[in-house]
Amino acid sequence: MNTTSTRSGSGWLRPWMQLVEITVSTPIVISYRTAQLVLGGWPPNARERRELQRMVTEKASAFGRAGYAAVVNPPRDTAQFVGKVLAPVHQSVTGNRRRLAGG
């Protein structure tokens, strides 16, 4: 176990920042997607159907990659382990926030 990051807590900065960004970005992504679907009317057009499909497949992919990271990275340093497990979900959520916000 890496006792330096455990004692000082500095190793936890990245996982905490990932959690903060996930927590802030998730409702923004949900709001954008909900607004797009509501304003698009029924039935959803091709663009909205692609977005709905993307929503489902990217979540399965992100959580699958997170599970894989949890299995292949034995937790020698807990903070580093948590950061690796959060990384796929963090990338997916923050990438969606940037994409849906247009920047």
Protein backbone atom coordinates (compact mmCIF):
# COMPACT_ATOMS: atom_id res chain seq x y z
CA MET A 1 0.00 0.00 0.00
CA ASN A 2 1.26 3.49 -0.79
CA THR A 3 1.38 5.04 2.67
CA THR A 4 2.40 8.52 1.46
CA SER A 5 -0.90 9.26 -0.27
CA THR A 6 -2.80 7.55 2.55
CA ARG A 7 -1.25 9.75 5.23
CA SER A 8 -1.30 13.06 3.41
CA GLY A 9 -4.54 12.56 1.54
CA SER A 10 -3.03 14.10 -1.60
CA GLY A 11 -3.75 10.95 -3.59
CA TRP A 12 -7.47 11.52 -3.07
CA LEU A 13 -7.57 14.83 -4.96
CA ARG A 14 -8.16 13.26 -8.38
CA PRO A 15 -10.96 10.87 -7.28
CA TRP A 16 -12.70 13.66 -5.34
CA MET A 17 -12.52 16.00 -8.33
CA GLN A 18 -13.88 13.25 -10.56
CA LEU A 19 -16.80 12.75 -8.17
CA VAL A 20 -17.47 16.50 -8.03
CA GLU A 21 -17.46 16.77 -11.83
CA ILE A 22 -19.72 13.73 -12.17
CA THR A 23 -22.11 15.18 -9.57
CA VAL A 24 -22.24 18.59 -11.28
CA SER A 25 -22.31 17.32 -14.86
CA THR A 26 -24.96 14.61 -14.51
CA PRO A 27 -27.98 16.90 -13.91
CA ILE A 28 -26.78 19.21 -16.71
CA VAL A 29 -26.64 16.29 -19.16
CA ILE A 30 -30.06 15.06 -18.02
CA SER A 31 -31.51 18.57 -18.46
CA TYR A 32 -30.13 18.96 -21.98
CA ARG A 33 -31.31 15.55 -23.06
CA THR A 34 -34.75 15.98 -21.53
CA ALA A 35 -35.19 19.40 -23.16
CA GLN A 36 -34.14 18.01 -26.55
CA LEU A 37 -36.61 15.16 -26.27
CA VAL A 38 -39.50 17.33 -25.05
CA LEU A 39 -38.97 20.03 -27.65
CA GLY A 40 -38.56 17.47 -30.42
CA GLY A 41 -42.10 16.18 -30.14
CA TRP A 42 -43.44 12.71 -30.71
CA PRO A 43 -42.41 10.45 -32.33
CA PRO A 44 -38.72 11.21 -31.89
CA ASN A 45 -36.90 12.10 -35.09
CA ALA A 46 -33.76 10.28 -36.25
CA ARG A 47 -31.43 12.60 -34.29
CA GLU A 48 -33.33 12.06 -31.04
CA ARG A 49 -33.48 8.30 -31.60
CA ARG A 50 -29.69 8.27 -32.04
CA GLU A 51 -29.33 10.26 -28.81
CA LEU A 52 -31.60 7.82 -26.95
CA GLN A 53 -29.61 4.87 -28.26
CA ARG A 54 -26.36 6.61 -27.37
CA MET A 55 -27.62 7.22 -23.82
CA VAL A 56 -28.15 3.52 -23.23
CA THR A 57 -25.06 2.15 -24.96
CA GLU A 58 -22.60 4.64 -23.47
CA LYS A 59 -23.79 3.95 -19.93
CA ALA A 60 -23.41 0.22 -20.41
CA SER A 61 -19.96 0.79 -21.88
CA ALA A 62 -18.81 3.21 -19.15
CA PHE A 63 -19.98 1.00 -16.29
CA GLY A 64 -18.55 -2.07 -18.00
CA ARG A 65 -15.15 -0.34 -18.30
CA ALA A 66 -15.41 0.75 -14.66
CA GLY A 67 -16.11 -2.83 -13.59
CA TYR A 68 -13.21 -4.07 -15.68
CA ALA A 69 -10.91 -1.45 -14.07
CA ALA A 70 -12.07 -2.63 -10.65
CA VAL A 71 -11.19 -6.22 -11.48
CA VAL A 72 -7.81 -5.73 -13.19
CA ASN A 73 -6.40 -3.07 -10.82
CA PRO A 74 -5.86 -4.61 -7.40
CA PRO A 75 -6.32 -1.91 -4.75
CA ARG A 76 -2.74 -1.38 -3.58
CA ASP A 77 -3.34 2.35 -3.27
CA THR A 78 -7.03 2.93 -2.55
CA ALA A 79 -7.13 6.49 -3.91
CA GLN A 80 -5.51 5.45 -7.19
CA PHE A 81 -7.84 2.46 -7.44
CA VAL A 82 -10.92 4.64 -6.96
CA GLY A 83 -9.63 7.10 -9.56
CA LYS A 84 -9.17 4.33 -12.13
CA VAL A 85 -12.62 2.93 -11.48
CA LEU A 86 -14.28 6.36 -11.74
CA ALA A 87 -12.38 7.39 -14.88
CA PRO A 88 -14.69 5.78 -17.52
CA VAL A 89 -17.86 7.20 -15.95
CA HIS A 90 -16.18 10.60 -15.47
CA GLN A 91 -15.06 10.70 -19.11
CA SER A 92 -18.52 9.77 -20.36
CA VAL A 93 -20.43 12.27 -18.23
CA THR A 94 -18.10 15.25 -18.73
CA GLY A 95 -17.79 14.49 -22.45
CA ASN A 96 -21.57 14.50 -22.78
CA ARG A 97 -21.84 17.77 -20.89
CA ARG A 98 -19.37 19.43 -23.26
CA ARG A 99 -20.97 17.91 -26.36
CA LEU A 100 -24.55 18.75 -25.41
CA ALA A 101 -23.65 22.28 -24.28
CA GLY A 102 -22.01 22.86 -27.64
CA GLY A 103 -18.49 23.40 -26.40
